Amino acid sequence: MAAALGMVLTPGPNMMYLVSRTVSQGRRAGLISLGGVAAGFGCYLAAATAGITAVFAVVPGLYLAVKLAGAGYLAWLAWQALRPGGVSAFTPSALPADRPRRLFGMGLLTNLLNPKIAIMYMALIPQFVTPEHGAVWRQSLCLGAVQIAVALTVNGLIVLGASGIASFLAGRPLWLRTQRYVMGTMLGTIAVLLATDRTRPTPA
């Protein structure tokens, strides 16, 4: 839960899309988009439960490549937040109004193409699986369900409060910069820890 909370609180494609959609089109649009994000989590959970993550246990080079790619992606997000003129997740760009089906589909696609979520399921969750504690598929299902519950709770609260938070920060440039620097530092730290971690996924 702590790892999932740390990941969901760092700004990424999901958070930026949900905030932008909510501010541009309202809470209902944000919640429909969140439904698509939830479906994306379900796809990753199904893959993890099916044992696809076990490929990384038998192909160390592939696991290392994915892990370094994820660390590089997080480092890039950190740079985007910390560089001069960087943008906060709560400074969203305007988006055109879309129908519910498209909102759901874009939320799903945003999550499926989110490297941070791929890293969560392919490189992080397997570290918590212990064969001695029972069926690997059941542990994967349970761990993934915990991650989804945390992510949907936090993102749901973000959707409900996005307009108010964006308005509050818009009138307080110092707070907006502080939020940017704190999140950027967190992202950079996670990127370094991920890149230097020598653990490997547990075979299924």
C-alpha atoms as a PDB file:
ATOM      1  CA  MET A   1       0.000   0.000   0.000  1.00  0.00           C
ATOM      2  CA  ALA A   2       2.849   2.387   0.808  1.00  0.00           C
ATOM      3  CA  ALA A   3       4.559   1.669  -2.511  1.00  0.00           C
ATOM      4  CA  ALA A   4       1.287   2.064  -4.419  1.00  0.00           C
ATOM      5  CA  LEU A   5       0.545   5.331  -2.611  1.00  0.00           C
ATOM      6  CA  GLY A   6       3.990   6.709  -3.417  1.00  0.00           C
ATOM      7  CA  MET A   7       3.552   5.852  -7.092  1.00  0.00           C
ATOM      8  CA  VAL A   8       0.049   7.281  -7.449  1.00  0.00           C
ATOM      9  CA  LEU A   9       0.983  10.546  -5.715  1.00  0.00           C
ATOM     10  CA  THR A  10       3.757  11.260  -8.205  1.00  0.00           C
ATOM     11  CA  PRO A  11       2.443  13.094 -11.268  1.00  0.00           C
ATOM     12  CA  GLY A  12       2.243  11.098 -14.464  1.00  0.00           C
ATOM     13  CA  PRO A  13       0.036  10.666 -17.542  1.00  0.00           C
ATOM     14  CA  ASN A  14      -2.956   9.379 -15.548  1.00  0.00           C
ATOM     15  CA  MET A  15      -2.984  12.253 -13.063  1.00  0.00           C
ATOM     16  CA  MET A  16      -2.381  14.907 -15.713  1.00  0.00           C
ATOM     17  CA  TYR A  17      -5.109  13.530 -17.982  1.00  0.00           C
ATOM     18  CA  LEU A  18      -7.662  13.211 -15.173  1.00  0.00           C
ATOM     19  CA  VAL A  19      -6.974  16.701 -13.848  1.00  0.00           C
ATOM     20  CA  SER A  20      -7.081  18.265 -17.309  1.00  0.00           C
ATOM     21  CA  ARG A  21     -10.282  16.443 -18.220  1.00  0.00           C
ATOM     22  CA  THR A  22     -11.987  17.348 -14.937  1.00  0.00           C
ATOM     23  CA  VAL A  23     -11.051  21.023 -15.117  1.00  0.00           C
ATOM     24  CA  SER A  24     -12.029  21.245 -18.793  1.00  0.00           C
ATOM     25  CA  GLN A  25     -15.266  19.238 -18.769  1.00  0.00           C
ATOM     26  CA  GLY A  26     -16.343  18.736 -15.170  1.00  0.00           C
ATOM     27  CA  ARG A  27     -16.312  16.046 -12.496  1.00  0.00           C
ATOM     28  CA  ARG A  28     -18.602  13.672 -14.388  1.00  0.00           C
ATOM     29  CA  ALA A  29     -16.160  13.588 -17.298  1.00  0.00           C
ATOM     30  CA  GLY A  30     -13.297  13.059 -14.856  1.00  0.00           C
ATOM     31  CA  LEU A  31     -15.059  10.128 -13.188  1.00  0.00           C
ATOM     32  CA  ILE A  32     -15.888   8.493 -16.547  1.00  0.00           C
ATOM     33  CA  SER A  33     -12.227   8.881 -17.520  1.00  0.00           C
ATOM     34  CA  LEU A  34     -11.277   7.322 -14.183  1.00  0.00           C
ATOM     35  CA  GLY A  35     -13.453   4.336 -15.115  1.00  0.00           C
ATOM     36  CA  GLY A  36     -11.269   3.847 -18.192  1.00  0.00           C
ATOM     37  CA  VAL A  37      -8.156   4.103 -16.041  1.00  0.00           C
ATOM     38  CA  ALA A  38      -9.621   1.428 -13.752  1.00  0.00           C
ATOM     39  CA  ALA A  39     -10.182  -0.861 -16.764  1.00  0.00           C
ATOM     40  CA  GLY A  40      -6.518  -0.364 -17.683  1.00  0.00           C
ATOM     41  CA  PHE A  41      -5.491  -1.459 -14.200  1.00  0.00           C
ATOM     42  CA  GLY A  42      -7.670  -4.521 -14.662  1.00  0.00           C
ATOM     43  CA  CYS A  43      -5.824  -5.414 -17.884  1.00  0.00           C
ATOM     44  CA  TYR A  44      -2.451  -5.166 -16.150  1.00  0.00           C
ATOM     45  CA  LEU A  45      -3.730  -7.200 -13.201  1.00  0.00           C
ATOM     46  CA  ALA A  46      -4.995  -9.941 -15.524  1.00  0.00           C
ATOM     47  CA  ALA A  47      -1.602 -10.083 -17.227  1.00  0.00           C
ATOM     48  CA  ALA A  48       0.251 -10.235 -13.911  1.00  0.00           C
ATOM     49  CA  THR A  49      -2.062 -12.928 -12.549  1.00  0.00           C
ATOM     50  CA  ALA A  50      -1.630 -14.977 -15.717  1.00  0.00           C
ATOM     51  CA  GLY A  51       2.083 -15.113 -14.988  1.00  0.00           C
ATOM     52  CA  ILE A  52       3.335 -12.852 -17.756  1.00  0.00           C
ATOM     53  CA  THR A  53       5.624 -11.136 -15.250  1.00  0.00           C
ATOM     54  CA  ALA A  54       7.423 -14.478 -14.818  1.00  0.00           C
ATOM     55  CA  VAL A  55       9.094 -13.809 -18.180  1.00  0.00           C
ATOM     56  CA  PHE A  56      11.233 -11.221 -16.430  1.00  0.00           C
ATOM     57  CA  ALA A  57      12.469 -13.819 -13.968  1.00  0.00           C
ATOM     58  CA  VAL A  58      13.859 -16.019 -16.721  1.00  0.00           C
ATOM     59  CA  VAL A  59      15.060 -13.213 -19.021  1.00  0.00           C
ATOM     60  CA  PRO A  60      17.122 -10.941 -16.714  1.00  0.00           C
ATOM     61  CA  GLY A  61      18.233  -8.728 -19.600  1.00  0.00           C
ATOM     62  CA  LEU A  62      14.639  -7.897 -20.517  1.00  0.00           C
ATOM     63  CA  TYR A  63      13.800  -7.130 -16.901  1.00  0.00           C
ATOM     64  CA  LEU A  64      16.832  -4.843 -16.629  1.00  0.00           C
ATOM     65  CA  ALA A  65      15.873  -3.039 -19.831  1.00  0.00           C
ATOM     66  CA  VAL A  66      12.318  -2.422 -18.630  1.00  0.00           C
ATOM     67  CA  LYS A  67      13.529  -1.305 -15.216  1.00  0.00           C
ATOM     68  CA  LEU A  68      16.039   1.164 -16.675  1.00  0.00           C
ATOM     69  CA  ALA A  69      13.436   2.424 -19.142  1.00  0.00           C
ATOM     70  CA  GLY A  70      11.076   3.034 -16.242  1.00  0.00           C
ATOM     71  CA  ALA A  71      13.781   4.800 -14.242  1.00  0.00           C
ATOM     72  CA  GLY A  72      14.575   6.957 -17.268  1.00  0.00           C
ATOM     73  CA  TYR A  73      10.904   7.825 -17.710  1.00  0.00           C
ATOM     74  CA  LEU A  74      10.545   8.843 -14.060  1.00  0.00           C
ATOM     75  CA  ALA A  75      13.759  10.884 -14.315  1.00  0.00           C
ATOM     76  CA  TRP A  76      12.308  12.652 -17.365  1.00  0.00           C
ATOM     77  CA  LEU A  77       9.121  13.462 -15.417  1.00  0.00           C
ATOM     78  CA  ALA A  78      11.293  14.798 -12.583  1.00  0.00           C
ATOM     79  CA  TRP A  79      13.173  17.036 -15.017  1.00  0.00           C
ATOM     80  CA  GLN A  80       9.900  18.300 -16.501  1.00  0.00           C
ATOM     81  CA  ALA A  81       8.783  19.325 -13.011  1.00  0.00           C
ATOM     82  CA  LEU A  82      12.094  20.793 -11.804  1.00  0.00           C
ATOM     83  CA  ARG A  83      13.384  22.547 -14.922  1.00  0.00           C
ATOM     84  CA  PRO A  84      12.865  26.307 -15.279  1.00  0.00           C
ATOM     85  CA  GLY A  85       9.415  26.862 -16.685  1.00  0.00           C
ATOM     86  CA  GLY A  86       8.276  23.372 -15.682  1.00  0.00           C
ATOM     87  CA  VAL A  87       4.572  22.606 -15.456  1.00  0.00           C
ATOM     88  CA  SER A  88       2.683  21.284 -12.441  1.00  0.00           C
ATOM     89  CA  ALA A  89       0.161  18.484 -12.797  1.00  0.00           C
ATOM     90  CA  PHE A  90      -2.407  21.009 -11.588  1.00  0.00           C
ATOM     91  CA  THR A  91      -1.709  23.393 -14.462  1.00  0.00           C
ATOM     92  CA  PRO A  92      -3.617  21.385 -17.086  1.00  0.00           C
ATOM     93  CA  SER A  93      -4.017  22.258 -20.737  1.00  0.00           C
ATOM     94  CA  ALA A  94      -7.484  22.835 -22.153  1.00  0.00           C
ATOM     95  CA  LEU A  95      -9.111  19.804 -23.767  1.00  0.00           C
ATOM     96  CA  PRO A  96     -12.118  19.658 -26.119  1.00  0.00           C
ATOM     97  CA  ALA A  97     -15.380  18.220 -24.754  1.00  0.00           C
ATOM     98  CA  ASP A  98     -15.780  14.522 -25.595  1.00  0.00           C
ATOM     99  CA  ARG A  99     -18.555  11.936 -25.363  1.00  0.00           C
ATOM    100  CA  PRO A 100     -18.587   9.403 -22.465  1.00  0.00           C
ATOM    101  CA  ARG A 101     -17.393   6.524 -24.670  1.00  0.00           C
ATOM    102  CA  ARG A 102     -14.377   8.509 -25.837  1.00  0.00           C
ATOM    103  CA  LEU A 103     -13.660   9.693 -22.292  1.00  0.00           C
ATOM    104  CA  PHE A 104     -13.621   6.084 -21.088  1.00  0.00           C
ATOM    105  CA  GLY A 105     -11.484   4.965 -24.016  1.00  0.00           C
ATOM    106  CA  MET A 106      -8.946   7.734 -23.534  1.00  0.00           C
ATOM    107  CA  GLY A 107      -8.679   6.927 -19.828  1.00  0.00           C
ATOM    108  CA  LEU A 108      -8.090   3.263 -20.701  1.00  0.00           C
ATOM    109  CA  LEU A 109      -5.508   4.072 -23.384  1.00  0.00           C
ATOM    110  CA  THR A 110      -3.702   6.593 -21.179  1.00  0.00           C
ATOM    111  CA  ASN A 111      -3.301   3.966 -18.469  1.00  0.00           C
ATOM    112  CA  LEU A 112      -2.283   1.136 -20.803  1.00  0.00           C
ATOM    113  CA  LEU A 113       0.440   3.323 -22.328  1.00  0.00           C
ATOM    114  CA  ASN A 114       1.622   4.650 -18.959  1.00  0.00           C
ATOM    115  CA  PRO A 115       5.189   3.357 -18.360  1.00  0.00           C
ATOM    116  CA  LYS A 116       4.869   4.027 -14.640  1.00  0.00           C
ATOM    117  CA  ILE A 117       2.009   1.515 -14.354  1.00  0.00           C
ATOM    118  CA  ALA A 118       3.823  -1.034 -16.503  1.00  0.00           C
ATOM    119  CA  ILE A 119       6.827  -0.788 -14.195  1.00  0.00           C
ATOM    120  CA  MET A 120       4.549  -1.157 -11.164  1.00  0.00           C
ATOM    121  CA  TYR A 121       3.147  -4.472 -12.387  1.00  0.00           C
ATOM    122  CA  MET A 122       6.181  -5.882 -14.161  1.00  0.00           C
ATOM    123  CA  ALA A 123       9.015  -4.860 -11.859  1.00  0.00           C
ATOM    124  CA  LEU A 124       7.635  -3.860  -8.462  1.00  0.00           C
ATOM    125  CA  ILE A 125       4.671  -6.069  -7.548  1.00  0.00           C
ATOM    126  CA  PRO A 126       6.570  -9.348  -8.282  1.00  0.00           C
ATOM    127  CA  GLN A 127       9.064  -8.366  -5.554  1.00  0.00           C
ATOM    128  CA  PHE A 128       6.317  -8.913  -2.963  1.00  0.00           C
ATOM    129  CA  VAL A 129       5.410 -12.402  -4.176  1.00  0.00           C
ATOM    130  CA  THR A 130       6.743 -15.264  -2.035  1.00  0.00           C
ATOM    131  CA  PRO A 131       6.089 -18.806  -3.362  1.00  0.00           C
ATOM    132  CA  GLU A 132       6.212 -20.225   0.175  1.00  0.00           C
ATOM    133  CA  HIS A 133       3.132 -18.163   1.085  1.00  0.00           C
ATOM    134  CA  GLY A 134       0.811 -19.886  -1.385  1.00  0.00           C
ATOM    135  CA  ALA A 135      -0.242 -19.792  -5.032  1.00  0.00           C
ATOM    136  CA  VAL A 136       1.644 -17.118  -6.945  1.00  0.00           C
ATOM    137  CA  TRP A 137      -1.409 -16.198  -9.038  1.00  0.00           C
ATOM    138  CA  ARG A 138      -3.457 -15.614  -5.887  1.00  0.00           C
ATOM    139  CA  GLN A 139      -0.764 -13.406  -4.373  1.00  0.00           C
ATOM    140  CA  SER A 140      -0.472 -11.432  -7.621  1.00  0.00           C
ATOM    141  CA  LEU A 141      -4.232 -10.965  -7.696  1.00  0.00           C
ATOM    142  CA  CYS A 142      -4.311  -9.777  -4.094  1.00  0.00           C
ATOM    143  CA  LEU A 143      -1.370  -7.394  -4.473  1.00  0.00           C
ATOM    144  CA  GLY A 144      -2.789  -5.981  -7.688  1.00  0.00           C
ATOM    145  CA  ALA A 145      -6.184  -5.481  -6.055  1.00  0.00           C
ATOM    146  CA  VAL A 146      -4.542  -3.519  -3.228  1.00  0.00           C
ATOM    147  CA  GLN A 147      -2.716  -1.336  -5.757  1.00  0.00           C
ATOM    148  CA  ILE A 148      -5.925  -0.702  -7.721  1.00  0.00           C
ATOM    149  CA  ALA A 149      -7.866   0.185  -4.563  1.00  0.00           C
ATOM    150  CA  VAL A 150      -5.206   2.709  -3.524  1.00  0.00           C
ATOM    151  CA  ALA A 151      -4.887   4.185  -7.024  1.00  0.00           C
ATOM    152  CA  LEU A 152      -8.639   4.568  -7.573  1.00  0.00           C
ATOM    153  CA  THR A 153      -9.181   6.083  -4.136  1.00  0.00           C
ATOM    154  CA  VAL A 154      -6.449   8.691  -4.608  1.00  0.00           C
ATOM    155  CA  ASN A 155      -7.340   9.444  -8.224  1.00  0.00           C
ATOM    156  CA  GLY A 156     -11.022   9.659  -7.313  1.00  0.00           C
ATOM    157  CA  LEU A 157     -10.234  12.242  -4.645  1.00  0.00           C
ATOM    158  CA  ILE A 158      -8.065  14.124  -7.148  1.00  0.00           C
ATOM    159  CA  VAL A 159     -10.942  14.205  -9.650  1.00  0.00           C
ATOM    160  CA  LEU A 160     -13.391  15.440  -7.004  1.00  0.00           C
ATOM    161  CA  GLY A 161     -11.021  18.172  -5.854  1.00  0.00           C
ATOM    162  CA  ALA A 162      -9.203  18.991  -9.107  1.00  0.00           C
ATOM    163  CA  SER A 163     -11.077  22.186  -9.932  1.00  0.00           C
ATOM    164  CA  GLY A 164     -10.707  23.553  -6.419  1.00  0.00           C
ATOM    165  CA  ILE A 165      -7.023  22.600  -6.170  1.00  0.00           C
ATOM    166  CA  ALA A 166      -6.230  24.075  -9.588  1.00  0.00           C
ATOM    167  CA  SER A 167      -8.022  27.326  -8.706  1.00  0.00           C
ATOM    168  CA  PHE A 168      -6.309  27.508  -5.321  1.00  0.00           C
ATOM    169  CA  LEU A 169      -2.824  26.964  -6.760  1.00  0.00           C
ATOM    170  CA  ALA A 170      -3.422  29.260  -9.748  1.00  0.00           C
ATOM    171  CA  GLY A 171      -3.712  32.233  -7.416  1.00  0.00           C
ATOM    172  CA  ARG A 172      -0.658  31.204  -5.371  1.00  0.00           C
ATOM    173  CA  PRO A 173       2.418  30.881  -7.611  1.00  0.00           C
ATOM    174  CA  LEU A 174       4.695  30.046  -4.646  1.00  0.00           C
ATOM    175  CA  TRP A 175       2.507  27.086  -3.652  1.00  0.00           C
ATOM    176  CA  LEU A 176       2.387  25.915  -7.267  1.00  0.00           C
ATOM    177  CA  ARG A 177       6.202  25.992  -7.520  1.00  0.00           C
ATOM    178  CA  THR A 178       6.542  24.232  -4.154  1.00  0.00           C
ATOM    179  CA  GLN A 179       4.197  21.445  -5.292  1.00  0.00           C
ATOM    180  CA  ARG A 180       6.231  21.121  -8.471  1.00  0.00           C
ATOM    181  CA  TYR A 181       9.576  20.917  -6.662  1.00  0.00           C
ATOM    182  CA  VAL A 182       8.346  18.428  -4.053  1.00  0.00           C
ATOM    183  CA  MET A 183       6.881  16.104  -6.678  1.00  0.00           C
ATOM    184  CA  GLY A 184       9.928  16.508  -8.925  1.00  0.00           C
ATOM    185  CA  THR A 185      12.258  15.574  -6.090  1.00  0.00           C
ATOM    186  CA  MET A 186      10.134  12.530  -5.225  1.00  0.00           C
ATOM    187  CA  LEU A 187      10.171  11.385  -8.844  1.00  0.00           C
ATOM    188  CA  GLY A 188      13.937  11.810  -9.100  1.00  0.00           C
ATOM    189  CA  THR A 189      14.497   9.863  -5.893  1.00  0.00           C
ATOM    190  CA  ILE A 190      12.281   6.985  -7.059  1.00  0.00           C
ATOM    191  CA  ALA A 191      14.103   6.945 -10.416  1.00  0.00           C
ATOM    192  CA  VAL A 192      17.497   6.607  -8.695  1.00  0.00           C
ATOM    193  CA  LEU A 193      16.234   3.900  -6.328  1.00  0.00           C
ATOM    194  CA  LEU A 194      14.697   1.961  -9.203  1.00  0.00           C
ATOM    195  CA  ALA A 195      17.825   2.202 -11.367  1.00  0.00           C
ATOM    196  CA  THR A 196      20.148   1.082  -8.549  1.00  0.00           C
ATOM    197  CA  ASP A 197      17.911  -1.684  -7.171  1.00  0.00           C
ATOM    198  CA  ARG A 198      19.504  -5.107  -7.751  1.00  0.00           C
ATOM    199  CA  THR A 199      16.543  -7.298  -6.866  1.00  0.00           C
ATOM    200  CA  ARG A 200      14.887  -9.480  -9.481  1.00  0.00           C
ATOM    201  CA  PRO A 201      11.269 -10.526  -9.943  1.00  0.00           C
ATOM    202  CA  THR A 202      10.176 -13.723  -8.250  1.00  0.00           C
ATOM    203  CA  PRO A 203       9.551 -16.575 -10.697  1.00  0.00           C
ATOM    204  CA  ALA A 204       5.967 -17.753 -10.887  1.00  0.00           C
END
